[in-house]
Amino acid sequence: MSKTIKVQLVKGLIGTRQDHRATVRGLGLRRVNSVSELQDTPAVRGMINKVAYLVKVVG
């Protein structure tokens, strides 16, 4: 069983950079307060770090 990580979008995307919006979509997040459960890999960790001001890790 591999580890998973839950990520929640806590801030809206209006006014953010286009590549940051694409990163949030890549994490599977659509609207504010949506939660996505992802595999805990270095790639996912890097995506979370890139948009850390928009998301939080829950659970």
PDB file of N, CA and C in Angstrom:
ATOM      1  N   MET A   1       0.834  -1.184   0.000  1.00  0.00           N
ATOM      2  CA  MET A   1       0.000   0.000   0.000  1.00  0.00           C
ATOM      3  C   MET A   1       0.880   1.248   0.000  1.00  0.00           C
ATOM      4  N   SER A   2       0.657   2.105  -0.964  1.00  0.00           N
ATOM      5  CA  SER A   2       1.465   3.317  -1.047  1.00  0.00           C
ATOM      6  C   SER A   2       0.800   4.454  -0.282  1.00  0.00           C
ATOM      7  N   LYS A   3       1.597   5.402   0.149  1.00  0.00           N
ATOM      8  CA  LYS A   3       1.092   6.523   0.923  1.00  0.00           C
ATOM      9  C   LYS A   3       0.304   7.471   0.044  1.00  0.00           C
ATOM     10  N   THR A   4      -0.694   8.091   0.638  1.00  0.00           N
ATOM     11  CA  THR A   4      -1.471   9.107  -0.065  1.00  0.00           C
ATOM     12  C   THR A   4      -1.438  10.398   0.733  1.00  0.00           C
ATOM     13  N   ILE A   5      -1.783  11.475   0.050  1.00  0.00           N
ATOM     14  CA  ILE A   5      -1.780  12.799   0.658  1.00  0.00           C
ATOM     15  C   ILE A   5      -3.033  13.522   0.189  1.00  0.00           C
ATOM     16  N   LYS A   6      -3.725  14.207   1.115  1.00  0.00           N
ATOM     17  CA  LYS A   6      -4.922  14.962   0.762  1.00  0.00           C
ATOM     18  C   LYS A   6      -4.556  16.432   0.671  1.00  0.00           C
ATOM     19  N   VAL A   7      -4.981  17.061  -0.430  1.00  0.00           N
ATOM     20  CA  VAL A   7      -4.683  18.465  -0.674  1.00  0.00           C
ATOM     21  C   VAL A   7      -5.997  19.212  -0.855  1.00  0.00           C
ATOM     22  N   GLN A   8      -6.103  20.388  -0.224  1.00  0.00           N
ATOM     23  CA  GLN A   8      -7.317  21.199  -0.323  1.00  0.00           C
ATOM     24  C   GLN A   8      -6.961  22.573  -0.877  1.00  0.00           C
ATOM     25  N   LEU A   9      -7.776  23.046  -1.824  1.00  0.00           N
ATOM     26  CA  LEU A   9      -7.615  24.392  -2.380  1.00  0.00           C
ATOM     27  C   LEU A   9      -8.266  25.374  -1.422  1.00  0.00           C
ATOM     28  N   VAL A  10      -7.482  26.318  -0.890  1.00  0.00           N
ATOM     29  CA  VAL A  10      -7.999  27.233   0.128  1.00  0.00           C
ATOM     30  C   VAL A  10      -8.097  28.670  -0.370  1.00  0.00           C
ATOM     31  N   LYS A  11      -7.623  28.960  -1.566  1.00  0.00           N
ATOM     32  CA  LYS A  11      -7.646  30.315  -2.098  1.00  0.00           C
ATOM     33  C   LYS A  11      -8.036  30.255  -3.561  1.00  0.00           C
ATOM     34  N   GLY A  12      -8.772  31.248  -4.022  1.00  0.00           N
ATOM     35  CA  GLY A  12      -9.222  31.285  -5.411  1.00  0.00           C
ATOM     36  C   GLY A  12      -8.079  31.507  -6.387  1.00  0.00           C
ATOM     37  N   LEU A  13      -8.331  31.188  -7.645  1.00  0.00           N
ATOM     38  CA  LEU A  13      -7.283  31.251  -8.668  1.00  0.00           C
ATOM     39  C   LEU A  13      -7.277  32.543  -9.466  1.00  0.00           C
ATOM     40  N   ILE A  14      -8.248  33.421  -9.244  1.00  0.00           N
ATOM     41  CA  ILE A  14      -8.293  34.677  -9.994  1.00  0.00           C
ATOM     42  C   ILE A  14      -7.066  35.516  -9.640  1.00  0.00           C
ATOM     43  N   GLY A  15      -6.382  35.991 -10.653  1.00  0.00           N
ATOM     44  CA  GLY A  15      -5.208  36.826 -10.452  1.00  0.00           C
ATOM     45  C   GLY A  15      -3.914  36.061 -10.286  1.00  0.00           C
ATOM     46  N   THR A  16      -3.960  34.739 -10.375  1.00  0.00           N
ATOM     47  CA  THR A  16      -2.739  33.945 -10.240  1.00  0.00           C
ATOM     48  C   THR A  16      -2.133  33.688 -11.615  1.00  0.00           C
ATOM     49  N   ARG A  17      -0.905  33.238 -11.613  1.00  0.00           N
ATOM     50  CA  ARG A  17      -0.211  32.965 -12.862  1.00  0.00           C
ATOM     51  C   ARG A  17      -0.816  31.763 -13.574  1.00  0.00           C
ATOM     52  N   GLN A  18      -0.723  31.785 -14.891  1.00  0.00           N
ATOM     53  CA  GLN A  18      -1.314  30.725 -15.705  1.00  0.00           C
ATOM     54  C   GLN A  18      -0.713  29.353 -15.377  1.00  0.00           C
ATOM     55  N   ASP A  19       0.606  29.297 -15.166  1.00  0.00           N
ATOM     56  CA  ASP A  19       1.222  27.996 -14.862  1.00  0.00           C
ATOM     57  C   ASP A  19       0.834  27.510 -13.469  1.00  0.00           C
ATOM     58  N   HIS A  20       0.539  28.419 -12.541  1.00  0.00           N
ATOM     59  CA  HIS A  20       0.078  27.998 -11.227  1.00  0.00           C
ATOM     60  C   HIS A  20      -1.337  27.452 -11.312  1.00  0.00           C
ATOM     61  N   ARG A  21      -2.172  28.053 -12.160  1.00  0.00           N
ATOM     62  CA  ARG A  21      -3.526  27.530 -12.371  1.00  0.00           C
ATOM     63  C   ARG A  21      -3.458  26.129 -12.974  1.00  0.00           C
ATOM     64  N   ALA A  22      -2.550  25.933 -13.903  1.00  0.00           N
ATOM     65  CA  ALA A  22      -2.395  24.619 -14.525  1.00  0.00           C
ATOM     66  C   ALA A  22      -1.910  23.586 -13.501  1.00  0.00           C
ATOM     67  N   THR A  23      -1.039  24.000 -12.598  1.00  0.00           N
ATOM     68  CA  THR A  23      -0.551  23.098 -11.554  1.00  0.00           C
ATOM     69  C   THR A  23      -1.687  22.677 -10.622  1.00  0.00           C
ATOM     70  N   VAL A  24      -2.538  23.635 -10.254  1.00  0.00           N
ATOM     71  CA  VAL A  24      -3.685  23.314  -9.385  1.00  0.00           C
ATOM     72  C   VAL A  24      -4.616  22.335 -10.091  1.00  0.00           C
ATOM     73  N   ARG A  25      -4.860  22.536 -11.379  1.00  0.00           N
ATOM     74  CA  ARG A  25      -5.697  21.605 -12.149  1.00  0.00           C
ATOM     75  C   ARG A  25      -5.026  20.240 -12.217  1.00  0.00           C
ATOM     76  N   GLY A  26      -3.709  20.221 -12.338  1.00  0.00           N
ATOM     77  CA  GLY A  26      -2.973  18.962 -12.364  1.00  0.00           C
ATOM     78  C   GLY A  26      -3.076  18.196 -11.059  1.00  0.00           C
ATOM     79  N   LEU A  27      -3.276  18.925  -9.967  1.00  0.00           N
ATOM     80  CA  LEU A  27      -3.478  18.283  -8.670  1.00  0.00           C
ATOM     81  C   LEU A  27      -4.903  17.769  -8.511  1.00  0.00           C
ATOM     82  N   GLY A  28      -5.771  18.075  -9.466  1.00  0.00           N
ATOM     83  CA  GLY A  28      -7.145  17.584  -9.425  1.00  0.00           C
ATOM     84  C   GLY A  28      -8.090  18.472  -8.641  1.00  0.00           C
ATOM     85  N   LEU A  29      -7.706  19.729  -8.446  1.00  0.00           N
ATOM     86  CA  LEU A  29      -8.533  20.659  -7.686  1.00  0.00           C
ATOM     87  C   LEU A  29      -9.263  21.587  -8.636  1.00  0.00           C
ATOM     88  N   ARG A  30     -10.561  21.816  -8.373  1.00  0.00           N
ATOM     89  CA  ARG A  30     -11.379  22.628  -9.259  1.00  0.00           C
ATOM     90  C   ARG A  30     -11.805  23.938  -8.628  1.00  0.00           C
ATOM     91  N   ARG A  31     -12.464  23.873  -7.470  1.00  0.00           N
ATOM     92  CA  ARG A  31     -12.979  25.089  -6.843  1.00  0.00           C
ATOM     93  C   ARG A  31     -12.481  25.165  -5.407  1.00  0.00           C
ATOM     94  N   VAL A  32     -12.677  26.319  -4.787  1.00  0.00           N
ATOM     95  CA  VAL A  32     -12.211  26.540  -3.421  1.00  0.00           C
ATOM     96  C   VAL A  32     -12.844  25.496  -2.502  1.00  0.00           C
ATOM     97  N   ASN A  33     -12.053  24.992  -1.588  1.00  0.00           N
ATOM     98  CA  ASN A  33     -12.410  23.961  -0.604  1.00  0.00           C
ATOM     99  C   ASN A  33     -12.549  22.569  -1.203  1.00  0.00           C
ATOM    100  N   SER A  34     -12.242  22.377  -2.482  1.00  0.00           N
ATOM    101  CA  SER A  34     -12.243  21.023  -3.030  1.00  0.00           C
ATOM    102  C   SER A  34     -11.015  20.289  -2.519  1.00  0.00           C
ATOM    103  N   VAL A  35     -11.162  18.986  -2.321  1.00  0.00           N
ATOM    104  CA  VAL A  35     -10.096  18.153  -1.765  1.00  0.00           C
ATOM    105  C   VAL A  35      -9.777  17.054  -2.759  1.00  0.00           C
ATOM    106  N   SER A  36      -8.488  16.765  -2.927  1.00  0.00           N
ATOM    107  CA  SER A  36      -8.040  15.708  -3.816  1.00  0.00           C
ATOM    108  C   SER A  36      -7.073  14.812  -3.055  1.00  0.00           C
ATOM    109  N   GLU A  37      -7.212  13.510  -3.236  1.00  0.00           N
ATOM    110  CA  GLU A  37      -6.313  12.548  -2.595  1.00  0.00           C
ATOM    111  C   GLU A  37      -5.365  12.011  -3.654  1.00  0.00           C
ATOM    112  N   LEU A  38      -4.062  12.198  -3.434  1.00  0.00           N
ATOM    113  CA  LEU A  38      -3.042  11.883  -4.430  1.00  0.00           C
ATOM    114  C   LEU A  38      -1.974  10.977  -3.833  1.00  0.00           C
ATOM    115  N   GLN A  39      -1.228  10.310  -4.711  1.00  0.00           N
ATOM    116  CA  GLN A  39      -0.077   9.524  -4.275  1.00  0.00           C
ATOM    117  C   GLN A  39       1.001  10.469  -3.754  1.00  0.00           C
ATOM    118  N   ASP A  40       1.669  10.078  -2.683  1.00  0.00           N
ATOM    119  CA  ASP A  40       2.720  10.909  -2.093  1.00  0.00           C
ATOM    120  C   ASP A  40       4.038  10.614  -2.807  1.00  0.00           C
ATOM    121  N   THR A  41       4.251  11.318  -3.925  1.00  0.00           N
ATOM    122  CA  THR A  41       5.471  11.160  -4.716  1.00  0.00           C
ATOM    123  C   THR A  41       6.235  12.471  -4.737  1.00  0.00           C
ATOM    124  N   PRO A  42       7.518  12.434  -5.097  1.00  0.00           N
ATOM    125  CA  PRO A  42       8.283  13.685  -5.201  1.00  0.00           C
ATOM    126  C   PRO A  42       7.684  14.667  -6.199  1.00  0.00           C
ATOM    127  N   ALA A  43       7.093  14.174  -7.277  1.00  0.00           N
ATOM    128  CA  ALA A  43       6.487  15.063  -8.278  1.00  0.00           C
ATOM    129  C   ALA A  43       5.291  15.801  -7.683  1.00  0.00           C
ATOM    130  N   VAL A  44       4.447  15.088  -6.954  1.00  0.00           N
ATOM    131  CA  VAL A  44       3.283  15.717  -6.333  1.00  0.00           C
ATOM    132  C   VAL A  44       3.731  16.698  -5.255  1.00  0.00           C
ATOM    133  N   ARG A  45       4.743  16.331  -4.486  1.00  0.00           N
ATOM    134  CA  ARG A  45       5.279  17.234  -3.460  1.00  0.00           C
ATOM    135  C   ARG A  45       5.792  18.525  -4.090  1.00  0.00           C
ATOM    136  N   GLY A  46       6.459  18.412  -5.237  1.00  0.00           N
ATOM    137  CA  GLY A  46       6.948  19.593  -5.936  1.00  0.00           C
ATOM    138  C   GLY A  46       5.820  20.482  -6.419  1.00  0.00           C
ATOM    139  N   MET A  47       4.740  19.871  -6.909  1.00  0.00           N
ATOM    140  CA  MET A  47       3.579  20.648  -7.352  1.00  0.00           C
ATOM    141  C   MET A  47       2.946  21.378  -6.166  1.00  0.00           C
ATOM    142  N   ILE A  48       2.863  20.716  -5.029  1.00  0.00           N
ATOM    143  CA  ILE A  48       2.290  21.348  -3.839  1.00  0.00           C
ATOM    144  C   ILE A  48       3.164  22.507  -3.389  1.00  0.00           C
ATOM    145  N   ASN A  49       4.474  22.333  -3.416  1.00  0.00           N
ATOM    146  CA  ASN A  49       5.385  23.413  -3.019  1.00  0.00           C
ATOM    147  C   ASN A  49       5.271  24.606  -3.949  1.00  0.00           C
ATOM    148  N   LYS A  50       5.038  24.357  -5.226  1.00  0.00           N
ATOM    149  CA  LYS A  50       4.939  25.436  -6.211  1.00  0.00           C
ATOM    150  C   LYS A  50       3.737  26.331  -5.927  1.00  0.00           C
ATOM    151  N   VAL A  51       2.628  25.746  -5.512  1.00  0.00           N
ATOM    152  CA  VAL A  51       1.400  26.510  -5.265  1.00  0.00           C
ATOM    153  C   VAL A  51       1.021  26.470  -3.781  1.00  0.00           C
ATOM    154  N   ALA A  52       2.015  26.489  -2.909  1.00  0.00           N
ATOM    155  CA  ALA A  52       1.786  26.358  -1.465  1.00  0.00           C
ATOM    156  C   ALA A  52       0.923  27.485  -0.919  1.00  0.00           C
ATOM    157  N   TYR A  53       0.916  28.639  -1.561  1.00  0.00           N
ATOM    158  CA  TYR A  53       0.110  29.769  -1.081  1.00  0.00           C
ATOM    159  C   TYR A  53      -1.371  29.617  -1.449  1.00  0.00           C
ATOM    160  N   LEU A  54      -1.696  28.600  -2.262  1.00  0.00           N
ATOM    161  CA  LEU A  54      -3.083  28.364  -2.676  1.00  0.00           C
ATOM    162  C   LEU A  54      -3.696  27.130  -2.030  1.00  0.00           C
ATOM    163  N   VAL A  55      -2.866  26.194  -1.588  1.00  0.00           N
ATOM    164  CA  VAL A  55      -3.366  24.911  -1.100  1.00  0.00           C
ATOM    165  C   VAL A  55      -2.858  24.643   0.314  1.00  0.00           C
ATOM    166  N   LYS A  56      -3.505  23.647   0.967  1.00  0.00           N
ATOM    167  CA  LYS A  56      -2.991  23.141   2.229  1.00  0.00           C
ATOM    168  C   LYS A  56      -3.151  21.637   2.249  1.00  0.00           C
ATOM    169  N   VAL A  57      -2.278  20.978   2.979  1.00  0.00           N
ATOM    170  CA  VAL A  57      -2.340  19.529   3.129  1.00  0.00           C
ATOM    171  C   VAL A  57      -3.221  19.244   4.342  1.00  0.00           C
ATOM    172  N   VAL A  58      -4.229  18.393   4.150  1.00  0.00           N
ATOM    173  CA  VAL A  58      -5.160  18.067   5.238  1.00  0.00           C
ATOM    174  C   VAL A  58      -5.044  16.592   5.579  1.00  0.00           C
ATOM    175  N   GLY A  59      -5.435  16.259   6.797  1.00  0.00           N
ATOM    176  CA  GLY A  59      -5.486  14.867   7.198  1.00  0.00           C
ATOM    177  C   GLY A  59      -4.192  14.282   7.650  1.00  0.00           C
TER     178      GLY A  59
END
